[in-house]
Amino acid sequence: MAHQAIEQEDRIGVLLPCNVLVQERTNGKVEVSAVNPMETMSAVQNQNLEAIAGEVSLKLKEAIDSL
């Protein structure tokens, strides 16, 4: 999906949600966070990225929710 996005907008790579943050909290629970691609990719204002961002957003949410 990253390749598809870069084909639509050659500099979108700096906004891709490649980083996921995993932190242990003081209560012993673990928190997992990721950037919402719908937010970052909307800054570019390229309609061709909307479907890709939506799909990535859904996959990230599913992955985090499954933990």
C-alpha atoms as a PDB file:
ATOM      1  CA  MET A   1       0.000   0.000   0.000  1.00  0.00           C
ATOM      2  CA  ALA A   2       2.938   2.331   0.631  1.00  0.00           C
ATOM      3  CA  HIS A   3       4.040   1.801  -2.969  1.00  0.00           C
ATOM      4  CA  GLN A   4       0.525   2.625  -4.215  1.00  0.00           C
ATOM      5  CA  ALA A   5       0.528   5.845  -2.204  1.00  0.00           C
ATOM      6  CA  ILE A   6       3.982   6.866  -3.471  1.00  0.00           C
ATOM      7  CA  GLU A   7       2.825   6.277  -7.048  1.00  0.00           C
ATOM      8  CA  GLN A   8       0.039   8.822  -6.428  1.00  0.00           C
ATOM      9  CA  GLU A   9       2.152  11.362  -4.528  1.00  0.00           C
ATOM     10  CA  ASP A  10       5.925  10.992  -4.721  1.00  0.00           C
ATOM     11  CA  ARG A  11       6.709  12.704  -1.392  1.00  0.00           C
ATOM     12  CA  ILE A  12       3.971  11.040   0.685  1.00  0.00           C
ATOM     13  CA  GLY A  13       6.571   8.745   2.242  1.00  0.00           C
ATOM     14  CA  VAL A  14       7.292  11.277   4.984  1.00  0.00           C
ATOM     15  CA  LEU A  15       3.656  11.074   6.105  1.00  0.00           C
ATOM     16  CA  LEU A  16       3.185   7.318   6.005  1.00  0.00           C
ATOM     17  CA  PRO A  17       2.211   5.656   9.306  1.00  0.00           C
ATOM     18  CA  CYS A  18       5.282   3.435   9.498  1.00  0.00           C
ATOM     19  CA  ASN A  19       5.887   3.969  13.196  1.00  0.00           C
ATOM     20  CA  VAL A  20       3.941   2.238  15.920  1.00  0.00           C
ATOM     21  CA  LEU A  21       4.532   3.179  19.544  1.00  0.00           C
ATOM     22  CA  VAL A  22       4.322   0.526  22.275  1.00  0.00           C
ATOM     23  CA  GLN A  23       4.511   1.788  25.869  1.00  0.00           C
ATOM     24  CA  GLU A  24       4.103   0.100  29.219  1.00  0.00           C
ATOM     25  CA  ARG A  25       2.093   2.283  31.586  1.00  0.00           C
ATOM     26  CA  THR A  26       2.567   2.592  35.343  1.00  0.00           C
ATOM     27  CA  ASN A  27      -0.459   0.385  35.960  1.00  0.00           C
ATOM     28  CA  GLY A  28       1.245  -2.462  34.069  1.00  0.00           C
ATOM     29  CA  LYS A  29      -0.963  -2.149  30.991  1.00  0.00           C
ATOM     30  CA  VAL A  30       0.535  -1.768  27.537  1.00  0.00           C
ATOM     31  CA  GLU A  31      -0.612   0.988  25.188  1.00  0.00           C
ATOM     32  CA  VAL A  32      -0.160   0.741  21.414  1.00  0.00           C
ATOM     33  CA  SER A  33      -0.477   3.886  19.275  1.00  0.00           C
ATOM     34  CA  ALA A  34      -0.165   4.675  15.584  1.00  0.00           C
ATOM     35  CA  VAL A  35      -0.758   7.720  13.411  1.00  0.00           C
ATOM     36  CA  ASN A  36      -4.119   7.838  11.632  1.00  0.00           C
ATOM     37  CA  PRO A  37      -3.274   7.821   7.903  1.00  0.00           C
ATOM     38  CA  MET A  38      -6.561   9.571   7.086  1.00  0.00           C
ATOM     39  CA  GLU A  39      -5.296  12.593   9.024  1.00  0.00           C
ATOM     40  CA  THR A  40      -1.747  12.729   7.680  1.00  0.00           C
ATOM     41  CA  MET A  41      -2.531  11.974   4.050  1.00  0.00           C
ATOM     42  CA  SER A  42      -5.390  14.495   3.968  1.00  0.00           C
ATOM     43  CA  ALA A  43      -2.799  17.252   4.387  1.00  0.00           C
ATOM     44  CA  VAL A  44      -1.631  16.541   0.832  1.00  0.00           C
ATOM     45  CA  GLN A  45      -5.124  17.058  -0.630  1.00  0.00           C
ATOM     46  CA  ASN A  46      -4.815  14.301  -3.249  1.00  0.00           C
ATOM     47  CA  GLN A  47      -8.122  12.485  -3.775  1.00  0.00           C
ATOM     48  CA  ASN A  48      -6.286   9.433  -5.145  1.00  0.00           C
ATOM     49  CA  LEU A  49      -4.830   8.791  -1.676  1.00  0.00           C
ATOM     50  CA  GLU A  50      -8.169   8.696   0.141  1.00  0.00           C
ATOM     51  CA  ALA A  51      -8.973   5.030  -0.600  1.00  0.00           C
ATOM     52  CA  ILE A  52      -5.425   3.913   0.228  1.00  0.00           C
ATOM     53  CA  ALA A  53      -5.437   5.885   3.493  1.00  0.00           C
ATOM     54  CA  GLY A  54      -8.808   4.405   4.424  1.00  0.00           C
ATOM     55  CA  GLU A  55      -7.597   0.865   3.836  1.00  0.00           C
ATOM     56  CA  VAL A  56      -4.394   1.413   5.838  1.00  0.00           C
ATOM     57  CA  SER A  57      -6.368   3.050   8.642  1.00  0.00           C
ATOM     58  CA  LEU A  58      -8.708   0.057   8.837  1.00  0.00           C
ATOM     59  CA  LYS A  59      -5.826  -2.440   8.860  1.00  0.00           C
ATOM     60  CA  LEU A  60      -3.969  -0.542  11.612  1.00  0.00           C
ATOM     61  CA  LYS A  61      -7.128  -0.349  13.724  1.00  0.00           C
ATOM     62  CA  GLU A  62      -7.810  -4.071  13.277  1.00  0.00           C
ATOM     63  CA  ALA A  63      -4.232  -4.919  14.218  1.00  0.00           C
ATOM     64  CA  ILE A  64      -4.278  -2.756  17.345  1.00  0.00           C
ATOM     65  CA  ASP A  65      -7.757  -3.925  18.374  1.00  0.00           C
ATOM     66  CA  SER A  66      -6.651  -7.554  18.118  1.00  0.00           C
ATOM     67  CA  LEU A  67      -3.963  -7.095  20.776  1.00  0.00           C
END
